[in-house]
N, C-alpha and C. Protein backbone atom coordinates (compact mmCIF):
# COMPACT_ATOMS: atom_id res chain seq x y z
N MET A 1 -34.43 17.94 39.09
CA MET A 1 -34.94 16.64 38.68
C MET A 1 -34.14 16.15 37.48
N SER A 2 -33.65 14.97 37.54
CA SER A 2 -32.83 14.43 36.44
C SER A 2 -33.73 13.88 35.33
N ASP A 3 -33.12 13.62 34.18
CA ASP A 3 -33.86 13.07 33.05
C ASP A 3 -34.48 11.73 33.39
N ASN A 4 -33.75 10.94 34.18
CA ASN A 4 -34.24 9.63 34.58
C ASN A 4 -35.51 9.77 35.42
N ASP A 5 -35.53 10.74 36.33
CA ASP A 5 -36.71 10.96 37.17
C ASP A 5 -37.90 11.43 36.33
N GLU A 6 -37.63 12.26 35.34
CA GLU A 6 -38.69 12.75 34.47
C GLU A 6 -39.30 11.61 33.66
N VAL A 7 -38.45 10.73 33.16
CA VAL A 7 -38.94 9.58 32.39
C VAL A 7 -39.78 8.68 33.28
N LYS A 8 -39.32 8.43 34.49
CA LYS A 8 -40.09 7.59 35.42
C LYS A 8 -41.43 8.23 35.74
N ALA A 9 -41.47 9.54 35.92
CA ALA A 9 -42.71 10.24 36.22
C ALA A 9 -43.68 10.14 35.06
N GLN A 10 -43.17 10.26 33.84
CA GLN A 10 -44.04 10.15 32.68
C GLN A 10 -44.54 8.73 32.48
N LEU A 11 -43.69 7.75 32.73
CA LEU A 11 -44.10 6.36 32.59
C LEU A 11 -45.15 5.97 33.63
N SER A 12 -45.04 6.54 34.81
CA SER A 12 -46.02 6.20 35.86
C SER A 12 -47.42 6.67 35.48
N LYS A 13 -47.52 7.69 34.65
CA LYS A 13 -48.83 8.16 34.19
C LYS A 13 -49.51 7.12 33.31
N PHE A 14 -48.70 6.35 32.59
CA PHE A 14 -49.25 5.40 31.62
C PHE A 14 -49.43 3.99 32.16
N LYS A 15 -49.04 3.77 33.41
CA LYS A 15 -49.22 2.45 33.98
C LYS A 15 -50.70 2.14 34.11
N LYS A 16 -51.03 0.91 33.85
CA LYS A 16 -52.43 0.51 33.94
C LYS A 16 -52.87 0.52 35.39
N LYS A 17 -54.08 1.02 35.57
CA LYS A 17 -54.67 1.00 36.90
C LYS A 17 -55.29 -0.38 37.10
N PRO A 18 -55.32 -0.87 38.31
CA PRO A 18 -55.94 -2.17 38.53
C PRO A 18 -57.42 -2.10 38.20
N LYS A 19 -57.90 -3.14 37.55
CA LYS A 19 -59.31 -3.18 37.17
C LYS A 19 -60.17 -3.44 38.40
N LEU A 20 -61.29 -2.76 38.42
CA LEU A 20 -62.25 -2.98 39.49
C LEU A 20 -63.06 -4.22 39.15
N THR A 21 -63.30 -5.03 40.11
CA THR A 21 -64.13 -6.20 39.89
C THR A 21 -65.39 -6.09 40.72
N VAL A 22 -66.46 -6.61 40.19
CA VAL A 22 -67.74 -6.56 40.87
C VAL A 22 -68.08 -7.97 41.33
N PRO A 23 -68.13 -8.17 42.63
CA PRO A 23 -68.50 -9.50 43.11
C PRO A 23 -69.93 -9.85 42.69
N ALA A 24 -70.14 -11.09 42.28
CA ALA A 24 -71.45 -11.53 41.82
C ALA A 24 -72.52 -11.36 42.90
N ASP A 25 -72.16 -11.63 44.17
CA ASP A 25 -73.16 -11.48 45.22
C ASP A 25 -73.55 -10.02 45.44
N PHE A 26 -72.66 -9.10 45.11
CA PHE A 26 -72.98 -7.68 45.24
C PHE A 26 -74.05 -7.29 44.23
N ILE A 27 -73.97 -7.84 43.03
CA ILE A 27 -74.98 -7.57 42.01
C ILE A 27 -76.33 -8.13 42.45
N ASP A 28 -76.32 -9.34 42.98
CA ASP A 28 -77.57 -9.97 43.41
C ASP A 28 -78.18 -9.30 44.63
N ASN A 29 -77.34 -8.78 45.52
CA ASN A 29 -77.83 -8.26 46.79
C ASN A 29 -77.93 -6.73 46.84
N ALA A 30 -77.77 -6.04 45.73
CA ALA A 30 -77.84 -4.58 45.72
C ALA A 30 -79.30 -4.15 45.82
N LYS A 31 -79.76 -3.95 47.04
CA LYS A 31 -81.16 -3.59 47.25
C LYS A 31 -81.33 -2.13 47.65
N SER A 32 -80.38 -1.60 48.40
CA SER A 32 -80.52 -0.21 48.82
C SER A 32 -80.05 0.72 47.71
N TYR A 33 -80.45 1.98 47.82
CA TYR A 33 -80.05 2.97 46.83
C TYR A 33 -78.53 3.11 46.80
N ASP A 34 -77.90 3.15 47.97
CA ASP A 34 -76.44 3.30 48.04
C ASP A 34 -75.72 2.12 47.38
N ASP A 35 -76.22 0.92 47.60
CA ASP A 35 -75.61 -0.26 46.96
C ASP A 35 -75.72 -0.18 45.44
N LYS A 36 -76.91 0.22 44.97
CA LYS A 36 -77.11 0.32 43.52
C LYS A 36 -76.26 1.43 42.92
N LEU A 37 -76.14 2.53 43.64
CA LEU A 37 -75.31 3.63 43.17
C LEU A 37 -73.85 3.21 43.06
N MET A 38 -73.36 2.50 44.07
CA MET A 38 -71.97 2.03 44.04
C MET A 38 -71.77 1.06 42.88
N LEU A 39 -72.73 0.20 42.64
CA LEU A 39 -72.64 -0.76 41.54
C LEU A 39 -72.57 -0.03 40.20
N VAL A 40 -73.39 0.98 40.01
CA VAL A 40 -73.37 1.75 38.76
C VAL A 40 -72.03 2.46 38.60
N LYS A 41 -71.49 3.01 39.69
CA LYS A 41 -70.19 3.68 39.61
C LYS A 41 -69.09 2.71 39.20
N ILE A 42 -69.08 1.54 39.80
CA ILE A 42 -68.05 0.55 39.48
C ILE A 42 -68.18 0.10 38.03
N LEU A 43 -69.39 -0.19 37.60
CA LEU A 43 -69.58 -0.65 36.23
C LEU A 43 -69.26 0.44 35.21
N SER A 44 -69.60 1.69 35.53
CA SER A 44 -69.31 2.77 34.58
C SER A 44 -67.81 3.04 34.50
N GLU A 45 -67.08 2.83 35.57
CA GLU A 45 -65.62 2.98 35.51
C GLU A 45 -64.98 1.83 34.74
N LYS A 46 -65.53 0.65 34.93
CA LYS A 46 -64.95 -0.53 34.30
C LYS A 46 -65.28 -0.61 32.81
N GLU A 47 -66.48 -0.21 32.45
CA GLU A 47 -66.96 -0.36 31.07
C GLU A 47 -67.41 1.00 30.51
N LYS A 48 -66.51 1.96 30.46
CA LYS A 48 -66.86 3.32 30.02
C LYS A 48 -67.48 3.34 28.63
N ASN A 49 -66.87 2.65 27.70
CA ASN A 49 -67.35 2.68 26.32
C ASN A 49 -68.75 2.09 26.19
N ARG A 50 -69.01 1.02 26.90
CA ARG A 50 -70.34 0.41 26.84
C ARG A 50 -71.39 1.32 27.45
N VAL A 51 -71.04 2.00 28.54
CA VAL A 51 -71.97 2.92 29.18
C VAL A 51 -72.28 4.09 28.25
N ILE A 52 -71.26 4.61 27.59
CA ILE A 52 -71.47 5.70 26.64
C ILE A 52 -72.40 5.27 25.51
N LEU A 53 -72.19 4.08 24.98
CA LEU A 53 -73.05 3.58 23.91
C LEU A 53 -74.49 3.38 24.39
N MET A 54 -74.66 2.91 25.61
CA MET A 54 -76.01 2.73 26.15
C MET A 54 -76.71 4.08 26.30
N ILE A 55 -76.01 5.07 26.81
CA ILE A 55 -76.62 6.39 26.99
C ILE A 55 -76.96 7.01 25.64
N LYS A 56 -76.07 6.88 24.66
CA LYS A 56 -76.35 7.39 23.32
C LYS A 56 -77.61 6.74 22.76
N SER A 57 -77.71 5.45 22.94
CA SER A 57 -78.87 4.71 22.44
C SER A 57 -80.15 5.17 23.13
N MET A 58 -80.09 5.35 24.45
CA MET A 58 -81.28 5.80 25.19
C MET A 58 -81.69 7.19 24.74
N LEU A 59 -80.72 8.09 24.54
CA LEU A 59 -81.04 9.44 24.09
C LEU A 59 -81.61 9.44 22.68
N LYS A 60 -81.05 8.61 21.82
CA LYS A 60 -81.54 8.52 20.45
C LYS A 60 -82.99 8.03 20.44
N ASP A 61 -83.29 7.03 21.27
CA ASP A 61 -84.66 6.52 21.37
C ASP A 61 -85.61 7.58 21.93
N ALA A 62 -85.16 8.33 22.92
CA ALA A 62 -85.99 9.38 23.53
C ALA A 62 -86.30 10.48 22.51
N VAL A 63 -85.32 10.86 21.72
CA VAL A 63 -85.52 11.88 20.70
C VAL A 63 -86.48 11.38 19.62
N ALA A 64 -86.31 10.11 19.24
CA ALA A 64 -87.20 9.54 18.21
C ALA A 64 -88.65 9.50 18.70
N LYS A 65 -88.86 9.14 19.96
CA LYS A 65 -90.22 9.10 20.52
C LYS A 65 -90.79 10.51 20.62
N ARG A 66 -89.95 11.47 21.00
CA ARG A 66 -90.42 12.85 21.13
C ARG A 66 -90.81 13.39 19.76
N ASP A 67 -90.06 13.07 18.73
CA ASP A 67 -90.35 13.58 17.39
C ASP A 67 -91.60 12.95 16.81
N LYS A 68 -91.98 11.76 17.24
CA LYS A 68 -93.20 11.12 16.75
C LYS A 68 -94.45 11.80 17.27
N LYS A 69 -94.35 12.45 18.42
CA LYS A 69 -95.54 13.09 19.03
C LYS A 69 -95.92 14.31 18.31
């Protein structure tokens, strides 16, 4: 493998992946469990940081409620 091939291989790792988009009608029509699951997967891939913050907040609230009892 030449140096040029190695550089191309390393650069391909850093290329941006295409963003997933969620059609508005999919959000409105997600009635089955599978549809809702797919929607959550897409949103969690697209908005990882927001999902992490939401989970942290939910856990913090759960711990606070548990400690009050």
